PDB file of N, CA and C in Angstrom:
ATOM      1  N   MET A   1      89.213 100.039 100.312  1.00  0.00           N
ATOM      2  CA  MET A   1      89.486  99.429  99.045  1.00  0.00           C
ATOM      3  C   MET A   1      90.014  98.001  99.214  1.00  0.00           C
ATOM      4  N   LEU A   2      90.779  97.760 100.286  1.00  0.00           N
ATOM      5  CA  LEU A   2      91.258  96.408 100.532  1.00  0.00           C
ATOM      6  C   LEU A   2      90.085  95.482 100.825  1.00  0.00           C
ATOM      7  N   GLU A   3      89.150  95.956 101.611  1.00  0.00           N
ATOM      8  CA  GLU A   3      87.960  95.161 101.913  1.00  0.00           C
ATOM      9  C   GLU A   3      87.194  94.820 100.635  1.00  0.00           C
ATOM     10  N   ASP A   4      87.016  95.792  99.753  1.00  0.00           N
ATOM     11  CA  ASP A   4      86.304  95.549  98.490  1.00  0.00           C
ATOM     12  C   ASP A   4      87.022  94.503  97.643  1.00  0.00           C
ATOM     13  N   ALA A   5      88.335  94.635  97.510  1.00  0.00           N
ATOM     14  CA  ALA A   5      89.100  93.683  96.711  1.00  0.00           C
ATOM     15  C   ALA A   5      89.004  92.277  97.304  1.00  0.00           C
ATOM     16  N   CYS A   6      88.995  92.185  98.624  1.00  0.00           N
ATOM     17  CA  CYS A   6      88.859  90.880  99.273  1.00  0.00           C
ATOM     18  C   CYS A   6      87.460  90.306  99.058  1.00  0.00           C
ATOM     19  N   LEU A   7      86.443  91.117  99.222  1.00  0.00           N
ATOM     20  CA  LEU A   7      85.074  90.634  99.038  1.00  0.00           C
ATOM     21  C   LEU A   7      84.827  90.151  97.614  1.00  0.00           C
ATOM     22  N   LEU A   8      85.481  90.798  96.647  1.00  0.00           N
ATOM     23  CA  LEU A   8      85.313  90.439  95.237  1.00  0.00           C
ATOM     24  C   LEU A   8      86.330  89.390  94.766  1.00  0.00           C
ATOM     25  N   ASN A   9      87.239  88.978  95.657  1.00  0.00           N
ATOM     26  CA  ASN A   9      88.320  88.069  95.268  1.00  0.00           C
ATOM     27  C   ASN A   9      89.035  88.576  94.018  1.00  0.00           C
ATOM     28  N   ASP A  10      89.358  89.854  94.009  1.00  0.00           N
ATOM     29  CA  ASP A  10      89.934  90.516  92.842  1.00  0.00           C
ATOM     30  C   ASP A  10      91.457  90.636  92.978  1.00  0.00           C
ATOM     31  N   ALA A  11      92.187  89.681  92.407  1.00  0.00           N
ATOM     32  CA  ALA A  11      93.644  89.655  92.507  1.00  0.00           C
ATOM     33  C   ALA A  11      94.285  90.891  91.878  1.00  0.00           C
ATOM     34  N   SER A  12      93.744  91.358  90.786  1.00  0.00           N
ATOM     35  CA  SER A  12      94.297  92.535  90.106  1.00  0.00           C
ATOM     36  C   SER A  12      94.175  93.776  90.996  1.00  0.00           C
ATOM     37  N   ALA A  13      93.029  93.956  91.608  1.00  0.00           N
ATOM     38  CA  ALA A  13      92.833  95.101  92.504  1.00  0.00           C
ATOM     39  C   ALA A  13      93.736  94.988  93.725  1.00  0.00           C
ATOM     40  N   LEU A  14      93.905  93.771  94.241  1.00  0.00           N
ATOM     41  CA  LEU A  14      94.794  93.574  95.387  1.00  0.00           C
ATOM     42  C   LEU A  14      96.221  93.976  95.036  1.00  0.00           C
ATOM     43  N   LYS A  15      96.706  93.565  93.880  1.00  0.00           N
ATOM     44  CA  LYS A  15      98.064  93.915  93.458  1.00  0.00           C
ATOM     45  C   LYS A  15      98.256  95.429  93.444  1.00  0.00           C
ATOM     46  N   ASP A  16      97.255  96.145  92.964  1.00  0.00           N
ATOM     47  CA  ASP A  16      97.352  97.601  92.849  1.00  0.00           C
ATOM     48  C   ASP A  16      97.399  98.307  94.202  1.00  0.00           C
ATOM     49  N   LEU A  17      96.953  97.630  95.255  1.00  0.00           N
ATOM     50  CA  LEU A  17      96.903  98.247  96.582  1.00  0.00           C
ATOM     51  C   LEU A  17      98.225  98.159  97.336  1.00  0.00           C
ATOM     52  N   PHE A  18      99.141  97.310  96.850  1.00  0.00           N
ATOM     53  CA  PHE A  18     100.399  97.084  97.553  1.00  0.00           C
ATOM     54  C   PHE A  18     101.577  97.659  96.780  1.00  0.00           C
ATOM     55  N   ASP A  19     102.575  98.116  97.527  1.00  0.00           N
ATOM     56  CA  ASP A  19     103.827  98.604  96.961  1.00  0.00           C
ATOM     57  C   ASP A  19     104.560  97.453  96.274  1.00  0.00           C
ATOM     58  N   ASP A  20     105.429  97.760  95.344  1.00  0.00           N
ATOM     59  CA  ASP A  20     106.197  96.721  94.648  1.00  0.00           C
ATOM     60  C   ASP A  20     106.967  95.826  95.615  1.00  0.00           C
ATOM     61  N   ASP A  21     107.536  96.416  96.657  1.00  0.00           N
ATOM     62  CA  ASP A  21     108.352  95.657  97.609  1.00  0.00           C
ATOM     63  C   ASP A  21     107.648  95.447  98.946  1.00  0.00           C
ATOM     64  N   ALA A  22     106.321  95.437  98.938  1.00  0.00           N
ATOM     65  CA  ALA A  22     105.531  95.287 100.162  1.00  0.00           C
ATOM     66  C   ALA A  22     105.765  93.933 100.813  1.00  0.00           C
ATOM     67  N   VAL A  23     105.483  93.878 102.115  1.00  0.00           N
ATOM     68  CA  VAL A  23     105.606  92.659 102.906  1.00  0.00           C
ATOM     69  C   VAL A  23     104.268  92.390 103.580  1.00  0.00           C
ATOM     70  N   LEU A  24     103.848  91.108 103.538  1.00  0.00           N
ATOM     71  CA  LEU A  24     102.594  90.689 104.171  1.00  0.00           C
ATOM     72  C   LEU A  24     102.870  89.545 105.132  1.00  0.00           C
ATOM     73  N   LEU A  25     102.196  89.578 106.272  1.00  0.00           N
ATOM     74  CA  LEU A  25     102.237  88.487 107.231  1.00  0.00           C
ATOM     75  C   LEU A  25     100.795  88.137 107.580  1.00  0.00           C
ATOM     76  N   THR A  26     100.442  86.867 107.444  1.00  0.00           N
ATOM     77  CA  THR A  26      99.113  86.397 107.849  1.00  0.00           C
ATOM     78  C   THR A  26      99.299  85.272 108.862  1.00  0.00           C
ATOM     79  N   ARG A  27      98.202  84.835 109.471  1.00  0.00           N
ATOM     80  CA  ARG A  27      98.282  83.732 110.436  1.00  0.00           C
ATOM     81  C   ARG A  27      98.799  82.450 109.783  1.00  0.00           C
ATOM     82  N   ALA A  28      98.464  82.249 108.531  1.00  0.00           N
ATOM     83  CA  ALA A  28      98.790  80.988 107.847  1.00  0.00           C
ATOM     84  C   ALA A  28     100.124  81.022 107.100  1.00  0.00           C
ATOM     85  N   THR A  29     100.798  82.164 107.035  1.00  0.00           N
ATOM     86  CA  THR A  29     102.026  82.250 106.251  1.00  0.00           C
ATOM     87  C   THR A  29     103.133  82.941 107.029  1.00  0.00           C
ATOM     88  N   SER A  30     104.350  82.703 106.588  1.00  0.00           N
ATOM     89  CA  SER A  30     105.453  83.532 107.043  1.00  0.00           C
ATOM     90  C   SER A  30     105.429  84.777 106.160  1.00  0.00           C
ATOM     91  N   GLN A  31     106.429  85.599 106.225  1.00  0.00           N
ATOM     92  CA  GLN A  31     106.428  86.830 105.436  1.00  0.00           C
ATOM     93  C   GLN A  31     106.415  86.524 103.941  1.00  0.00           C
ATOM     94  N   VAL A  32     105.592  87.270 103.234  1.00  0.00           N
ATOM     95  CA  VAL A  32     105.492  87.164 101.777  1.00  0.00           C
ATOM     96  C   VAL A  32     105.826  88.534 101.215  1.00  0.00           C
ATOM     97  N   ARG A  33     106.628  88.569 100.144  1.00  0.00           N
ATOM     98  CA  ARG A  33     107.062  89.846  99.563  1.00  0.00           C
ATOM     99  C   ARG A  33     106.601  89.978  98.120  1.00  0.00           C
ATOM    100  N   GLY A  34     106.235  91.217  97.762  1.00  0.00           N
ATOM    101  CA  GLY A  34     105.879  91.543  96.390  1.00  0.00           C
ATOM    102  C   GLY A  34     104.385  91.470  96.121  1.00  0.00           C
ATOM    103  N   ARG A  35     103.942  92.331  95.224  1.00  0.00           N
ATOM    104  CA  ARG A  35     102.517  92.468  94.900  1.00  0.00           C
ATOM    105  C   ARG A  35     101.849  91.165  94.492  1.00  0.00           C
ATOM    106  N   THR A  36     102.453  90.468  93.560  1.00  0.00           N
ATOM    107  CA  THR A  36     101.831  89.249  93.030  1.00  0.00           C
ATOM    108  C   THR A  36     101.742  88.172  94.099  1.00  0.00           C
ATOM    109  N   ALA A  37     102.819  87.954  94.833  1.00  0.00           N
ATOM    110  CA  ALA A  37     102.814  86.942  95.888  1.00  0.00           C
ATOM    111  C   ALA A  37     101.796  87.287  96.970  1.00  0.00           C
ATOM    112  N   ILE A  38     101.711  88.553  97.328  1.00  0.00           N
ATOM    113  CA  ILE A  38     100.746  88.990  98.346  1.00  0.00           C
ATOM    114  C   ILE A  38      99.323  88.744  97.865  1.00  0.00           C
ATOM    115  N   ALA A  39      99.011  89.148  96.639  1.00  0.00           N
ATOM    116  CA  ALA A  39      97.662  88.936  96.103  1.00  0.00           C
ATOM    117  C   ALA A  39      97.325  87.450  96.070  1.00  0.00           C
ATOM    118  N   ASN A  40      98.283  86.600  95.680  1.00  0.00           N
ATOM    119  CA  ASN A  40      98.053  85.160  95.628  1.00  0.00           C
ATOM    120  C   ASN A  40      97.758  84.582  97.007  1.00  0.00           C
ATOM    121  N   VAL A  41      98.500  85.014  98.021  1.00  0.00           N
ATOM    122  CA  VAL A  41      98.271  84.533  99.385  1.00  0.00           C
ATOM    123  C   VAL A  41      96.893  84.961  99.880  1.00  0.00           C
ATOM    124  N   ILE A  42      96.543  86.215  99.681  1.00  0.00           N
ATOM    125  CA  ILE A  42      95.239  86.700 100.148  1.00  0.00           C
ATOM    126  C   ILE A  42      94.113  85.965  99.444  1.00  0.00           C
ATOM    127  N   ILE A  43      94.177  85.859  98.126  1.00  0.00           N
ATOM    128  CA  ILE A  43      93.123  85.160  97.374  1.00  0.00           C
ATOM    129  C   ILE A  43      93.035  83.702  97.825  1.00  0.00           C
ATOM    130  N   GLY A  44      94.174  83.051  98.011  1.00  0.00           N
ATOM    131  CA  GLY A  44      94.177  81.667  98.460  1.00  0.00           C
ATOM    132  C   GLY A  44      93.496  81.494  99.808  1.00  0.00           C
ATOM    133  N   GLN A  45      93.775  82.399 100.733  1.00  0.00           N
ATOM    134  CA  GLN A  45      93.158  82.298 102.054  1.00  0.00           C
ATOM    135  C   GLN A  45      91.667  82.624 102.007  1.00  0.00           C
ATOM    136  N   LEU A  46      91.284  83.563 101.169  1.00  0.00           N
ATOM    137  CA  LEU A  46      89.866  83.892 101.039  1.00  0.00           C
ATOM    138  C   LEU A  46      89.088  82.718 100.452  1.00  0.00           C
ATOM    139  N   ARG A  47      89.685  82.021  99.505  1.00  0.00           N
ATOM    140  CA  ARG A  47      89.028  80.871  98.877  1.00  0.00           C
ATOM    141  C   ARG A  47      88.917  79.679  99.825  1.00  0.00           C
ATOM    142  N   HIS A  48      89.699  79.705 100.886  1.00  0.00           N
ATOM    143  CA  HIS A  48      89.646  78.627 101.872  1.00  0.00           C
ATOM    144  C   HIS A  48      88.960  79.077 103.161  1.00  0.00           C
ATOM    145  N   GLY A  49      88.013  79.981 103.029  1.00  0.00           N
ATOM    146  CA  GLY A  49      87.193  80.383 104.169  1.00  0.00           C
ATOM    147  C   GLY A  49      87.626  81.625 104.905  1.00  0.00           C
ATOM    148  N   GLY A  50      88.723  82.231 104.504  1.00  0.00           N
ATOM    149  CA  GLY A  50      89.152  83.462 105.155  1.00  0.00           C
ATOM    150  C   GLY A  50      88.272  84.634 104.761  1.00  0.00           C
ATOM    151  N   SER A  51      88.344  85.688 105.545  1.00  0.00           N
ATOM    152  CA  SER A  51      87.596  86.904 105.224  1.00  0.00           C
ATOM    153  C   SER A  51      88.334  88.104 105.805  1.00  0.00           C
ATOM    154  N   TYR A  52      88.010  89.268 105.282  1.00  0.00           N
ATOM    155  CA  TYR A  52      88.599  90.502 105.792  1.00  0.00           C
ATOM    156  C   TYR A  52      87.537  91.587 105.782  1.00  0.00           C
ATOM    157  N   LEU A  53      87.357  92.206 106.927  1.00  0.00           N
ATOM    158  CA  LEU A  53      86.436  93.320 107.055  1.00  0.00           C
ATOM    159  C   LEU A  53      87.199  94.499 107.655  1.00  0.00           C
ATOM    160  N   ALA A  54      87.245  95.593 106.947  1.00  0.00           N
ATOM    161  CA  ALA A  54      87.965  96.767 107.442  1.00  0.00           C
ATOM    162  C   ALA A  54      87.170  97.409 108.572  1.00  0.00           C
ATOM    163  N   ALA A  55      87.840  97.609 109.667  1.00  0.00           N
ATOM    164  CA  ALA A  55      87.225  98.289 110.814  1.00  0.00           C
ATOM    165  C   ALA A  55      88.330  99.009 111.578  1.00  0.00           C
ATOM    166  N   PRO A  56      88.937 100.019 110.942  1.00  0.00           N
ATOM    167  CA  PRO A  56      90.072 100.682 111.585  1.00  0.00           C
ATOM    168  C   PRO A  56      89.671 101.328 112.912  1.00  0.00           C
ATOM    169  N   GLN A  57      90.485 101.058 113.910  1.00  0.00           N
ATOM    170  CA  GLN A  57      90.273 101.662 115.225  1.00  0.00           C
ATOM    171  C   GLN A  57      91.161 102.875 115.421  1.00  0.00           C
ATOM    172  N   LEU A  58      92.262 102.888 114.677  1.00  0.00           N
ATOM    173  CA  LEU A  58      93.205 103.988 114.801  1.00  0.00           C
ATOM    174  C   LEU A  58      93.918 104.197 113.472  1.00  0.00           C
ATOM    175  N   VAL A  59      93.974 105.433 113.030  1.00  0.00           N
ATOM    176  CA  VAL A  59      94.755 105.805 111.846  1.00  0.00           C
ATOM    177  C   VAL A  59      95.627 106.985 112.257  1.00  0.00           C
ATOM    178  N   MET A  60      96.934 106.798 112.095  1.00  0.00           N
ATOM    179  CA  MET A  60      97.882 107.867 112.410  1.00  0.00           C
ATOM    180  C   MET A  60      98.640 108.195 111.141  1.00  0.00           C
ATOM    181  N   ARG A  61      98.736 109.489 110.847  1.00  0.00           N
ATOM    182  CA  ARG A  61      99.395 109.896 109.609  1.00  0.00           C
ATOM    183  C   ARG A  61     100.516 110.872 109.914  1.00  0.00           C
ATOM    184  N   SER A  62     101.632 110.670 109.216  1.00  0.00           N
ATOM    185  CA  SER A  62     102.759 111.584 109.301  1.00  0.00           C
ATOM    186  C   SER A  62     103.340 111.716 107.902  1.00  0.00           C
ATOM    187  N   GLY A  63     103.113 112.871 107.289  1.00  0.00           N
ATOM    188  CA  GLY A  63     103.613 113.093 105.937  1.00  0.00           C
ATOM    189  C   GLY A  63     103.041 112.084 104.961  1.00  0.00           C
ATOM    190  N   ARG A  64     103.923 111.322 104.320  1.00  0.00           N
ATOM    191  CA  ARG A  64     103.499 110.350 103.304  1.00  0.00           C
ATOM    192  C   ARG A  64     103.227 108.958 103.878  1.00  0.00           C
ATOM    193  N   LEU A  65     103.250 108.825 105.204  1.00  0.00           N
ATOM    194  CA  LEU A  65     103.038 107.527 105.832  1.00  0.00           C
ATOM    195  C   LEU A  65     101.759 107.522 106.660  1.00  0.00           C
ATOM    196  N   ALA A  66     101.118 106.353 106.718  1.00  0.00           N
ATOM    197  CA  ALA A  66      99.933 106.185 107.558  1.00  0.00           C
ATOM    198  C   ALA A  66      99.998 104.815 108.217  1.00  0.00           C
ATOM    199  N   LEU A  67      99.730 104.786 109.509  1.00  0.00           N
ATOM    200  CA  LEU A  67      99.642 103.547 110.265  1.00  0.00           C
ATOM    201  C   LEU A  67      98.164 103.288 110.513  1.00  0.00           C
ATOM    202  N   ILE A  68      97.689 102.097 110.116  1.00  0.00           N
ATOM    203  CA  ILE A  68      96.278 101.741 110.248  1.00  0.00           C
ATOM    204  C   ILE A  68      96.193 100.509 111.138  1.00  0.00           C
ATOM    205  N   ILE A  69      95.442 100.626 112.242  1.00  0.00           N
ATOM    206  CA  ILE A  69      95.336  99.539 113.208  1.00  0.00           C
ATOM    207  C   ILE A  69      93.881  99.167 113.424  1.00  0.00           C
ATOM    208  N   SER A  70      93.603  97.858 113.361  1.00  0.00           N
ATOM    209  CA  SER A  70      92.276  97.327 113.683  1.00  0.00           C
ATOM    210  C   SER A  70      92.466  95.992 114.382  1.00  0.00           C
ATOM    211  N   ASP A  71      91.374  95.360 114.780  1.00  0.00           N
ATOM    212  CA  ASP A  71      91.475  94.038 115.400  1.00  0.00           C
ATOM    213  C   ASP A  71      92.060  93.015 114.434  1.00  0.00           C
ATOM    214  N   ALA A  72      91.743  93.142 113.146  1.00  0.00           N
ATOM    215  CA  ALA A  72      92.135  92.138 112.149  1.00  0.00           C
ATOM    216  C   ALA A  72      93.375  92.520 111.347  1.00  0.00           C
ATOM    217  N   ALA A  73      93.929  93.705 111.583  1.00  0.00           N
ATOM    218  CA  ALA A  73      95.047  94.128 110.735  1.00  0.00           C
ATOM    219  C   ALA A  73      95.856  95.247 111.379  1.00  0.00           C
ATOM    220  N   THR A  74      97.119  95.273 111.014  1.00  0.00           N
ATOM    221  CA  THR A  74      98.002  96.401 111.298  1.00  0.00           C
ATOM    222  C   THR A  74      98.761  96.641 110.009  1.00  0.00           C
ATOM    223  N   SER A  75      98.682  97.842 109.480  1.00  0.00           N
ATOM    224  CA  SER A  75      99.316  98.130 108.191  1.00  0.00           C
ATOM    225  C   SER A  75      99.982  99.496 108.198  1.00  0.00           C
ATOM    226  N   LEU A  76     101.053  99.576 107.436  1.00  0.00           N
ATOM    227  CA  LEU A  76     101.725 100.834 107.160  1.00  0.00           C
ATOM    228  C   LEU A  76     101.561 101.106 105.675  1.00  0.00           C
ATOM    229  N   ALA A  77     101.024 102.265 105.346  1.00  0.00           N
ATOM    230  CA  ALA A  77     100.813 102.645 103.950  1.00  0.00           C
ATOM    231  C   ALA A  77     101.658 103.875 103.632  1.00  0.00           C
ATOM    232  N   ARG A  78     102.034 103.993 102.371  1.00  0.00           N
ATOM    233  CA  ARG A  78     102.824 105.137 101.915  1.00  0.00           C
ATOM    234  C   ARG A  78     102.107 105.785 100.734  1.00  0.00           C
ATOM    235  N   ARG A  79     102.069 107.092 100.755  1.00  0.00           N
ATOM    236  CA  ARG A  79     101.454 107.831  99.657  1.00  0.00           C
ATOM    237  C   ARG A  79     102.500 108.104  98.587  1.00  0.00           C
ATOM    238  N   GLY A  80     102.169 107.736  97.354  1.00  0.00           N
ATOM    239  CA  GLY A  80     103.048 107.985  96.221  1.00  0.00           C
ATOM    240  C   GLY A  80     102.332 108.828  95.195  1.00  0.00           C
ATOM    241  N   PRO A  81     102.931 109.035  94.043  1.00  0.00           N
ATOM    242  CA  PRO A  81     102.322 109.860  93.005  1.00  0.00           C
ATOM    243  C   PRO A  81     101.002 109.296  92.486  1.00  0.00           C
ATOM    244  N   ASP A  82     100.821 107.978  92.619  1.00  0.00           N
ATOM    245  CA  ASP A  82      99.578 107.366  92.129  1.00  0.00           C
ATOM    246  C   ASP A  82      98.655 106.913  93.265  1.00  0.00           C
ATOM    247  N   GLY A  83      98.842 107.471  94.464  1.00  0.00           N
ATOM    248  CA  GLY A  83      97.938 107.176  95.579  1.00  0.00           C
ATOM    249  C   GLY A  83      98.606 106.391  96.687  1.00  0.00           C
ATOM    250  N   TRP A  84      97.775 105.864  97.584  1.00  0.00           N
ATOM    251  CA  TRP A  84      98.250 105.136  98.753  1.00  0.00           C
ATOM    252  C   TRP A  84      98.468 103.666  98.420  1.00  0.00           C
ATOM    253  N   HIS A  85      99.562 103.107  98.960  1.00  0.00           N
ATOM    254  CA  HIS A  85      99.865 101.688  98.796  1.00  0.00           C
ATOM    255  C   HIS A  85     100.343 101.126 100.133  1.00  0.00           C
ATOM    256  N   TYR A  86      99.903  99.914 100.435  1.00  0.00           N
ATOM    257  CA  TYR A  86     100.380  99.245 101.635  1.00  0.00           C
ATOM    258  C   TYR A  86     101.835  98.845 101.434  1.00  0.00           C
ATOM    259  N   VAL A  87     102.643  99.075 102.469  1.00  0.00           N
ATOM    260  CA  VAL A  87     104.060  98.735 102.445  1.00  0.00           C
ATOM    261  C   VAL A  87     104.319  97.517 103.339  1.00  0.00           C
ATOM    262  N   ILE A  88     103.714  97.533 104.519  1.00  0.00           N
ATOM    263  CA  ILE A  88     103.813  96.430 105.466  1.00  0.00           C
ATOM    264  C   ILE A  88     102.422  96.154 105.991  1.00  0.00           C
ATOM    265  N   SER A  89     102.005  94.878 105.955  1.00  0.00           N
ATOM    266  CA  SER A  89     100.677  94.535 106.450  1.00  0.00           C
ATOM    267  C   SER A  89     100.695  93.214 107.207  1.00  0.00           C
ATOM    268  N   ARG A  90     100.000  93.193 108.322  1.00  0.00           N
ATOM    269  CA  ARG A  90      99.709  91.969 109.042  1.00  0.00           C
ATOM    270  C   ARG A  90      98.185  91.829 109.005  1.00  0.00           C
ATOM    271  N   LEU A  91      97.706  90.786 108.347  1.00  0.00           N
ATOM    272  CA  LEU A  91      96.261  90.588 108.188  1.00  0.00           C
ATOM    273  C   LEU A  91      95.846  89.258 108.803  1.00  0.00           C
ATOM    274  N   ASP A  92      94.771  89.264 109.561  1.00  0.00           N
ATOM    275  CA  ASP A  92      94.163  88.030 110.060  1.00  0.00           C
ATOM    276  C   ASP A  92      92.997  87.721 109.154  1.00  0.00           C
ATOM    277  N   LEU A  93      93.225  86.850 108.180  1.00  0.00           N
ATOM    278  CA  LEU A  93      92.190  86.510 107.206  1.00  0.00           C
ATOM    279  C   LEU A  93      91.463  85.245 107.615  1.00  0.00           C
TER     280      LEU A  93
END
């Protein structure tokens, strides 16, 4: 779903994928906190030539948490009543 939102440059969909207090780190930014700020950073980087392709190499799950690792990303997601949301993400866009 993150890949789809990135390919479509869909800020609204990006916001929905992250927890309210999520943290994002990209190559071009220091830590960014919160859904809106995260969506703005991702959209900004995509509009300036960045891209994201999901290719998870490892997914580890324990209860309501999942660690997702790929060449371009490392993320921790948490399952809530309305589905999975990223809590901490490092993305190479």
